[in-house]
C-alpha atoms as a PDB file:
ATOM      1  CA  MET A   1      88.924 163.304-209.507  1.00  0.00           C
ATOM      2  CA  LEU A   2      91.515 165.785-210.771  1.00  0.00           C
ATOM      3  CA  ALA A   3      94.738 164.448-212.310  1.00  0.00           C
ATOM      4  CA  ALA A   4      96.861 165.923-209.520  1.00  0.00           C
ATOM      5  CA  GLU A   5      94.637 164.335-206.879  1.00  0.00           C
ATOM      6  CA  ARG A   6      94.749 160.984-208.658  1.00  0.00           C
ATOM      7  CA  GLN A   7      98.542 161.075-208.966  1.00  0.00           C
ATOM      8  CA  SER A   8      98.881 162.003-205.295  1.00  0.00           C
ATOM      9  CA  LYS A   9      96.776 158.945-204.442  1.00  0.00           C
ATOM     10  CA  ILE A  10      99.021 156.746-206.608  1.00  0.00           C
ATOM     11  CA  VAL A  11     102.141 158.008-204.818  1.00  0.00           C
ATOM     12  CA  GLU A  12     100.495 157.382-201.445  1.00  0.00           C
ATOM     13  CA  LEU A  13      99.650 153.791-202.412  1.00  0.00           C
ATOM     14  CA  VAL A  14     103.149 153.107-203.770  1.00  0.00           C
ATOM     15  CA  HIS A  15     104.818 154.379-200.609  1.00  0.00           C
ATOM     16  CA  ARG A  16     102.449 152.454-198.347  1.00  0.00           C
ATOM     17  CA  GLN A  17     102.500 149.145-200.250  1.00  0.00           C
ATOM     18  CA  GLY A  18     105.915 149.246-201.932  1.00  0.00           C
ATOM     19  CA  SER A  19     104.442 148.454-205.350  1.00  0.00           C
ATOM     20  CA  VAL A  20     101.216 148.860-207.368  1.00  0.00           C
ATOM     21  CA  GLN A  21      99.696 147.287-210.476  1.00  0.00           C
ATOM     22  CA  VAL A  22      98.162 149.258-213.359  1.00  0.00           C
ATOM     23  CA  GLU A  23      94.925 147.262-213.470  1.00  0.00           C
ATOM     24  CA  GLU A  24      94.402 147.525-209.701  1.00  0.00           C
ATOM     25  CA  LEU A  25      94.942 151.285-209.804  1.00  0.00           C
ATOM     26  CA  ALA A  26      92.571 151.654-212.745  1.00  0.00           C
ATOM     27  CA  GLN A  27      89.820 149.814-210.855  1.00  0.00           C
ATOM     28  CA  GLU A  28      90.351 151.656-207.580  1.00  0.00           C
ATOM     29  CA  LEU A  29      90.591 155.117-209.144  1.00  0.00           C
ATOM     30  CA  LYS A  30      87.876 154.402-211.736  1.00  0.00           C
ATOM     31  CA  VAL A  31      89.892 155.438-214.798  1.00  0.00           C
ATOM     32  CA  SER A  32      91.318 153.587-217.787  1.00  0.00           C
ATOM     33  CA  ALA A  33      94.580 151.637-217.672  1.00  0.00           C
ATOM     34  CA  MET A  34      95.952 154.056-220.312  1.00  0.00           C
ATOM     35  CA  THR A  35      95.320 156.993-217.971  1.00  0.00           C
ATOM     36  CA  ILE A  36      97.160 155.210-215.161  1.00  0.00           C
ATOM     37  CA  ARG A  37     100.112 154.474-217.451  1.00  0.00           C
ATOM     38  CA  ARG A  38     100.335 158.163-218.393  1.00  0.00           C
ATOM     39  CA  ASP A  39     100.236 159.044-214.690  1.00  0.00           C
ATOM     40  CA  LEU A  40     103.075 156.599-213.974  1.00  0.00           C
ATOM     41  CA  VAL A  41     105.191 158.036-216.798  1.00  0.00           C
ATOM     42  CA  LYS A  42     104.725 161.526-215.347  1.00  0.00           C
ATOM     43  CA  LEU A  43     105.494 160.418-211.786  1.00  0.00           C
ATOM     44  CA  GLN A  44     108.624 158.589-212.885  1.00  0.00           C
ATOM     45  CA  LYS A  45     109.829 161.753-214.660  1.00  0.00           C
ATOM     46  CA  GLU A  46     109.258 163.567-211.370  1.00  0.00           C
ATOM     47  CA  ASP A  47     111.485 160.933-209.715  1.00  0.00           C
ATOM     48  CA  VAL A  48     108.918 159.826-207.129  1.00  0.00           C
ATOM     49  CA  LEU A  49     108.537 156.198-208.268  1.00  0.00           C
ATOM     50  CA  LEU A  50     109.957 153.627-210.683  1.00  0.00           C
ATOM     51  CA  ARG A  51     107.875 152.052-213.422  1.00  0.00           C
ATOM     52  CA  CYS A  52     108.107 148.297-213.879  1.00  0.00           C
ATOM     53  CA  HIS A  53     106.306 145.728-215.994  1.00  0.00           C
ATOM     54  CA  GLY A  54     102.599 146.055-215.208  1.00  0.00           C
ATOM     55  CA  GLY A  55     102.910 148.779-212.610  1.00  0.00           C
ATOM     56  CA  ALA A  56     105.340 150.744-210.461  1.00  0.00           C
ATOM     57  CA  VAL A  57     107.512 150.343-207.354  1.00  0.00           C
ATOM     58  CA  ALA A  58     108.561 152.741-204.628  1.00  0.00           C
ATOM     59  CA  LYS A  59     111.641 154.842-205.273  1.00  0.00           C
ATOM     60  CA  GLN A  60     112.713 154.178-201.689  1.00  0.00           C
ATOM     61  CA  GLU A  61     111.833 151.554-199.122  1.00  0.00           C
ATOM     62  CA  VAL A  62     108.935 151.912-196.732  1.00  0.00           C
ATOM     63  CA  THR A  63     110.122 153.534-193.482  1.00  0.00           C
ATOM     64  CA  TYR A  64     110.608 151.559-190.270  1.00  0.00           C
ATOM     65  CA  ALA A  65     107.742 153.427-188.604  1.00  0.00           C
ATOM     66  CA  ASP A  66     105.345 152.496-191.420  1.00  0.00           C
ATOM     67  CA  LYS A  67     106.480 148.869-191.340  1.00  0.00           C
ATOM     68  CA  GLN A  68     105.852 148.717-187.589  1.00  0.00           C
ATOM     69  CA  THR A  69     102.151 149.457-188.075  1.00  0.00           C
ATOM     70  CA  SER A  70     101.673 147.032-190.979  1.00  0.00           C
ATOM     71  CA  CYS A  71     100.279 143.495-190.317  1.00  0.00           C
ATOM     72  CA  MET A  72     101.722 143.428-186.805  1.00  0.00           C
ATOM     73  CA  GLU A  73      99.404 140.710-185.511  1.00  0.00           C
ATOM     74  CA  ALA A  74     100.473 138.390-188.325  1.00  0.00           C
ATOM     75  CA  LYS A  75     104.144 139.216-187.711  1.00  0.00           C
ATOM     76  CA  ARG A  76     103.813 138.352-184.024  1.00  0.00           C
ATOM     77  CA  ARG A  77     102.127 135.014-184.781  1.00  0.00           C
ATOM     78  CA  MET A  78     104.875 134.105-187.252  1.00  0.00           C
ATOM     79  CA  ALA A  79     107.556 135.148-184.759  1.00  0.00           C
ATOM     80  CA  GLU A  80     106.022 132.806-182.169  1.00  0.00           C
ATOM     81  CA  LEU A  81     106.343 129.935-184.643  1.00  0.00           C
ATOM     82  CA  CYS A  82     109.990 130.829-185.345  1.00  0.00           C
ATOM     83  CA  VAL A  83     110.920 130.414-181.662  1.00  0.00           C
ATOM     84  CA  SER A  84     110.672 126.623-182.085  1.00  0.00           C
ATOM     85  CA  LEU A  85     113.338 126.777-184.815  1.00  0.00           C
ATOM     86  CA  VAL A  86     116.007 128.137-182.445  1.00  0.00           C
ATOM     87  CA  GLY A  87     117.905 126.060-179.891  1.00  0.00           C
ATOM     88  CA  LYS A  88     120.230 126.574-176.951  1.00  0.00           C
ATOM     89  CA  GLY A  89     123.663 127.786-178.021  1.00  0.00           C
ATOM     90  CA  ASP A  90     122.649 128.610-181.607  1.00  0.00           C
ATOM     91  CA  THR A  91     124.302 131.341-183.634  1.00  0.00           C
ATOM     92  CA  VAL A  92     121.412 133.187-185.275  1.00  0.00           C
ATOM     93  CA  PHE A  93     121.427 135.754-188.070  1.00  0.00           C
ATOM     94  CA  LEU A  94     118.534 138.219-188.016  1.00  0.00           C
ATOM     95  CA  ASP A  95     117.970 140.223-191.168  1.00  0.00           C
ATOM     96  CA  ALA A  96     116.836 143.828-190.790  1.00  0.00           C
ATOM     97  CA  GLY A  97     113.093 144.388-190.436  1.00  0.00           C
ATOM     98  CA  THR A  98     110.106 144.608-188.119  1.00  0.00           C
ATOM     99  CA  THR A  99     109.228 140.910-188.495  1.00  0.00           C
ATOM    100  CA  THR A 100     112.733 139.847-187.448  1.00  0.00           C
ATOM    101  CA  PHE A 101     112.526 142.376-184.598  1.00  0.00           C
ATOM    102  CA  GLU A 102     109.541 140.425-183.270  1.00  0.00           C
ATOM    103  CA  ILE A 103     111.584 137.217-183.552  1.00  0.00           C
ATOM    104  CA  ALA A 104     114.456 138.873-181.666  1.00  0.00           C
ATOM    105  CA  ARG A 105     112.075 139.917-178.913  1.00  0.00           C
ATOM    106  CA  LEU A 106     111.024 136.293-178.353  1.00  0.00           C
ATOM    107  CA  ILE A 107     114.378 134.477-178.718  1.00  0.00           C
ATOM    108  CA  LYS A 108     116.684 136.935-176.924  1.00  0.00           C
ATOM    109  CA  ASP A 109     116.553 134.966-173.667  1.00  0.00           C
ATOM    110  CA  THR A 110     117.377 131.602-175.263  1.00  0.00           C
ATOM    111  CA  PRO A 111     120.334 130.202-173.235  1.00  0.00           C
ATOM    112  CA  GLU A 112     123.833 130.808-174.683  1.00  0.00           C
ATOM    113  CA  ILE A 113     122.472 132.277-177.901  1.00  0.00           C
ATOM    114  CA  MET A 114     124.543 134.504-180.195  1.00  0.00           C
ATOM    115  CA  ILE A 115     122.631 136.958-182.396  1.00  0.00           C
ATOM    116  CA  VAL A 116     124.212 138.592-185.435  1.00  0.00           C
ATOM    117  CA  THR A 117     122.230 141.358-187.128  1.00  0.00           C
ATOM    118  CA  ASN A 118     122.412 144.284-189.517  1.00  0.00           C
ATOM    119  CA  ASP A 119     119.502 146.074-187.824  1.00  0.00           C
ATOM    120  CA  LEU A 120     120.087 148.905-185.340  1.00  0.00           C
ATOM    121  CA  GLU A 121     116.697 148.448-183.651  1.00  0.00           C
ATOM    122  CA  ILE A 122     117.334 144.740-183.101  1.00  0.00           C
ATOM    123  CA  ALA A 123     120.842 145.493-181.822  1.00  0.00           C
ATOM    124  CA  GLN A 124     119.436 147.952-179.282  1.00  0.00           C
ATOM    125  CA  LEU A 125     116.953 145.339-178.082  1.00  0.00           C
ATOM    126  CA  ILE A 126     119.596 142.600-177.765  1.00  0.00           C
ATOM    127  CA  LYS A 127     122.030 144.942-176.004  1.00  0.00           C
ATOM    128  CA  ASN A 128     119.723 144.873-172.999  1.00  0.00           C
ATOM    129  CA  SER A 129     119.375 141.073-172.923  1.00  0.00           C
ATOM    130  CA  GLU A 130     121.534 138.112-171.876  1.00  0.00           C
ATOM    131  CA  ALA A 131     122.228 137.121-175.507  1.00  0.00           C
ATOM    132  CA  GLU A 132     125.620 137.667-177.117  1.00  0.00           C
ATOM    133  CA  LEU A 133     125.459 140.334-179.836  1.00  0.00           C
ATOM    134  CA  PHE A 134     127.479 140.932-183.003  1.00  0.00           C
ATOM    135  CA  ILE A 135     126.570 143.910-185.193  1.00  0.00           C
ATOM    136  CA  CYS A 136     127.240 143.825-188.907  1.00  0.00           C
ATOM    137  CA  GLY A 137     128.582 147.274-189.825  1.00  0.00           C
ATOM    138  CA  GLY A 138     128.290 149.247-193.032  1.00  0.00           C
ATOM    139  CA  HIS A 139     126.274 152.042-194.551  1.00  0.00           C
ATOM    140  CA  VAL A 140     123.181 152.861-192.460  1.00  0.00           C
ATOM    141  CA  GLN A 141     119.856 153.418-194.191  1.00  0.00           C
ATOM    142  CA  LYS A 142     118.393 155.832-191.650  1.00  0.00           C
ATOM    143  CA  SER A 143     114.766 155.415-192.699  1.00  0.00           C
ATOM    144  CA  THR A 144     114.820 151.684-191.874  1.00  0.00           C
ATOM    145  CA  GLY A 145     117.698 151.421-189.389  1.00  0.00           C
ATOM    146  CA  SER A 146     119.426 148.738-191.464  1.00  0.00           C
ATOM    147  CA  MET A 147     123.082 148.388-192.467  1.00  0.00           C
ATOM    148  CA  PHE A 148     124.064 147.165-195.902  1.00  0.00           C
ATOM    149  CA  GLY A 149     126.504 147.605-198.767  1.00  0.00           C
ATOM    150  CA  HIS A 150     129.923 146.202-199.678  1.00  0.00           C
ATOM    151  CA  TYR A 151     131.480 146.377-196.199  1.00  0.00           C
ATOM    152  CA  ALA A 152     128.489 144.804-194.480  1.00  0.00           C
ATOM    153  CA  THR A 153     128.439 141.917-196.966  1.00  0.00           C
ATOM    154  CA  GLN A 154     132.219 141.466-196.769  1.00  0.00           C
ATOM    155  CA  MET A 155     132.117 141.413-192.969  1.00  0.00           C
ATOM    156  CA  LEU A 156     129.667 138.510-192.982  1.00  0.00           C
ATOM    157  CA  GLU A 157     131.187 136.390-195.737  1.00  0.00           C
ATOM    158  CA  ASP A 158     133.280 134.199-193.385  1.00  0.00           C
ATOM    159  CA  PHE A 159     130.459 133.619-190.884  1.00  0.00           C
ATOM    160  CA  LYS A 160     128.478 130.402-190.547  1.00  0.00           C
ATOM    161  CA  PHE A 161     125.086 130.421-188.818  1.00  0.00           C
ATOM    162  CA  ASP A 162     122.987 127.679-187.272  1.00  0.00           C
ATOM    163  CA  VAL A 163     119.833 129.470-188.338  1.00  0.00           C
ATOM    164  CA  GLY A 164     118.943 132.678-190.153  1.00  0.00           C
ATOM    165  CA  PHE A 165     115.672 134.591-190.430  1.00  0.00           C
ATOM    166  CA  PHE A 166     115.088 136.913-193.363  1.00  0.00           C
ATOM    167  CA  GLY A 167     112.439 139.360-194.490  1.00  0.00           C
ATOM    168  CA  ALA A 168     111.414 140.628-197.910  1.00  0.00           C
ATOM    169  CA  ALA A 169     109.746 143.694-199.377  1.00  0.00           C
ATOM    170  CA  SER A 170     108.072 141.820-202.228  1.00  0.00           C
ATOM    171  CA  ILE A 171     107.526 138.363-203.696  1.00  0.00           C
ATOM    172  CA  ASN A 172     106.333 138.316-207.294  1.00  0.00           C
ATOM    173  CA  GLU A 173     104.026 135.857-209.036  1.00  0.00           C
ATOM    174  CA  ASP A 174     107.000 133.644-209.966  1.00  0.00           C
ATOM    175  CA  PHE A 175     107.875 133.411-206.248  1.00  0.00           C
ATOM    176  CA  GLU A 176     111.027 135.442-206.698  1.00  0.00           C
ATOM    177  CA  VAL A 177     112.108 137.480-203.664  1.00  0.00           C
ATOM    178  CA  MET A 178     112.542 141.164-204.548  1.00  0.00           C
ATOM    179  CA  THR A 179     113.859 144.396-203.030  1.00  0.00           C
ATOM    180  CA  PRO A 180     113.559 148.038-204.126  1.00  0.00           C
ATOM    181  CA  THR A 181     117.101 148.716-202.844  1.00  0.00           C
ATOM    182  CA  VAL A 182     119.869 147.463-205.134  1.00  0.00           C
ATOM    183  CA  ASP A 183     122.591 147.656-202.474  1.00  0.00           C
ATOM    184  CA  LYS A 184     120.648 145.349-200.140  1.00  0.00           C
ATOM    185  CA  MET A 185     120.464 142.614-202.748  1.00  0.00           C
ATOM    186  CA  TRP A 186     123.996 141.269-202.192  1.00  0.00           C
ATOM    187  CA  LEU A 187     123.724 140.795-198.438  1.00  0.00           C
ATOM    188  CA  LYS A 188     120.226 139.318-198.665  1.00  0.00           C
ATOM    189  CA  ARG A 189     121.306 136.964-201.458  1.00  0.00           C
ATOM    190  CA  GLN A 190     124.559 135.764-199.873  1.00  0.00           C
ATOM    191  CA  THR A 191     123.746 135.368-196.173  1.00  0.00           C
ATOM    192  CA  PRO A 192     121.073 132.609-196.489  1.00  0.00           C
ATOM    193  CA  LYS A 193     123.746 130.432-198.141  1.00  0.00           C
ATOM    194  CA  GLN A 194     125.813 130.691-194.953  1.00  0.00           C
ATOM    195  CA  CYS A 195     123.019 129.334-192.730  1.00  0.00           C
ATOM    196  CA  ARG A 196     122.586 125.667-191.860  1.00  0.00           C
ATOM    197  CA  ASN A 197     118.867 126.463-191.854  1.00  0.00           C
ATOM    198  CA  SER A 198     117.470 129.635-193.425  1.00  0.00           C
ATOM    199  CA  TYR A 199     113.892 130.877-193.179  1.00  0.00           C
ATOM    200  CA  LEU A 200     112.097 133.611-195.062  1.00  0.00           C
ATOM    201  CA  VAL A 201     109.415 135.098-192.791  1.00  0.00           C
ATOM    202  CA  VAL A 202     106.798 137.051-194.743  1.00  0.00           C
ATOM    203  CA  ASP A 203     103.159 137.965-194.203  1.00  0.00           C
ATOM    204  CA  GLU A 204     100.474 137.667-196.869  1.00  0.00           C
ATOM    205  CA  SER A 205     100.779 141.325-197.947  1.00  0.00           C
ATOM    206  CA  LYS A 206     104.248 140.734-199.456  1.00  0.00           C
ATOM    207  CA  PHE A 207     103.014 138.328-202.141  1.00  0.00           C
ATOM    208  CA  LYS A 208     102.147 139.207-205.751  1.00  0.00           C
ATOM    209  CA  ARG A 209     104.195 142.401-205.530  1.00  0.00           C
ATOM    210  CA  GLN A 210     106.996 143.429-207.823  1.00  0.00           C
ATOM    211  CA  ALA A 211     110.098 145.401-206.881  1.00  0.00           C
ATOM    212  CA  MET A 212     113.095 146.514-208.896  1.00  0.00           C
ATOM    213  CA  THR A 213     115.764 143.982-207.915  1.00  0.00           C
ATOM    214  CA  ARG A 214     115.709 140.173-207.616  1.00  0.00           C
ATOM    215  CA  ILE A 215     117.374 138.670-204.532  1.00  0.00           C
ATOM    216  CA  ASN A 216     116.694 134.955-204.894  1.00  0.00           C
ATOM    217  CA  HIS A 217     113.804 132.474-204.921  1.00  0.00           C
ATOM    218  CA  LEU A 218     111.568 130.935-202.263  1.00  0.00           C
ATOM    219  CA  GLY A 219     113.223 127.599-203.022  1.00  0.00           C
ATOM    220  CA  ASP A 220     116.572 128.995-201.851  1.00  0.00           C
ATOM    221  CA  TYR A 221     115.432 128.859-198.202  1.00  0.00           C
ATOM    222  CA  THR A 222     115.059 125.874-195.884  1.00  0.00           C
ATOM    223  CA  GLY A 223     111.501 127.028-195.341  1.00  0.00           C
ATOM    224  CA  VAL A 224     109.100 129.938-195.775  1.00  0.00           C
ATOM    225  CA  VAL A 225     107.143 130.990-192.691  1.00  0.00           C
ATOM    226  CA  THR A 226     103.959 132.783-193.761  1.00  0.00           C
ATOM    227  CA  ASP A 227     100.285 133.315-192.998  1.00  0.00           C
ATOM    228  CA  LYS A 228      99.347 133.289-196.682  1.00  0.00           C
ATOM    229  CA  GLU A 229      96.778 130.778-197.936  1.00  0.00           C
ATOM    230  CA  PHE A 230      97.815 129.414-201.340  1.00  0.00           C
ATOM    231  CA  ASP A 231      95.313 128.238-203.943  1.00  0.00           C
ATOM    232  CA  GLU A 232      95.659 124.872-205.710  1.00  0.00           C
ATOM    233  CA  ASP A 233      97.627 126.245-208.661  1.00  0.00           C
ATOM    234  CA  GLU A 234     100.036 128.106-206.387  1.00  0.00           C
ATOM    235  CA  THR A 235     100.465 125.057-204.162  1.00  0.00           C
ATOM    236  CA  GLU A 236     101.319 122.878-207.168  1.00  0.00           C
ATOM    237  CA  LYS A 237     103.794 125.460-208.453  1.00  0.00           C
ATOM    238  CA  LEU A 238     105.459 125.665-205.043  1.00  0.00           C
ATOM    239  CA  ARG A 239     105.708 121.866-204.907  1.00  0.00           C
ATOM    240  CA  LYS A 240     107.451 121.755-208.286  1.00  0.00           C
ATOM    241  CA  LEU A 241     109.858 124.454-207.132  1.00  0.00           C
ATOM    242  CA  HIS A 242     110.639 122.463-203.939  1.00  0.00           C
ATOM    243  CA  VAL A 243     109.454 125.258-201.651  1.00  0.00           C
ATOM    244  CA  SER A 244     108.736 124.247-198.063  1.00  0.00           C
ATOM    245  CA  ILE A 245     105.892 126.322-196.578  1.00  0.00           C
ATOM    246  CA  ILE A 246     105.593 126.545-192.781  1.00  0.00           C
ATOM    247  CA  ARG A 247     102.250 127.912-191.554  1.00  0.00           C
END
């Protein structure tokens, strides 16, 4: 495989997955780890990705269209579980993302519900339902349809929610929740604190992936809804960190 072809493959994997590891790339592309590191240095200089410890992360977030086609069956199963966590008359915050969109689709007809969101796609869905809708304004990231930044965070700071559902781009091996977008960090870090019950809803593909910016930790949520199977060591670590897993 030519160097240009190999580097193109690396970029494709980073954009599709959000992050990659040196050793995994070396095995898949059948080259040495040193070769992969040189490729990552070159690609970072070309401003197409960001190097991080042990690998690289996407320069920008995965687009909404790409997220819609990723692990959709798992997202729908998790959304069905989340319905039981919402009650009549609740005020619900829905973080931007395709997983929370699936939750919105299933809870929008809950009696007397109020939905607050920073996602344009979710807002469009709720607009055509019986639910009350409040949109969190701010800068719009067109590729994902989400609103974030100082004004969005400031707008929400006086709100209190009965329940909130949140997504994540990556969760690293220390069970820290990560995002490739620095400006999203503040809203994603602050809003769970304003929820009586907060749930991180993430499929198996989000685990053991690094991104540039830390949001918080799995233990900062009331519970983590996921389809991931944890091994004994991971289960013990989660127990010590007081993480509640809902499967």
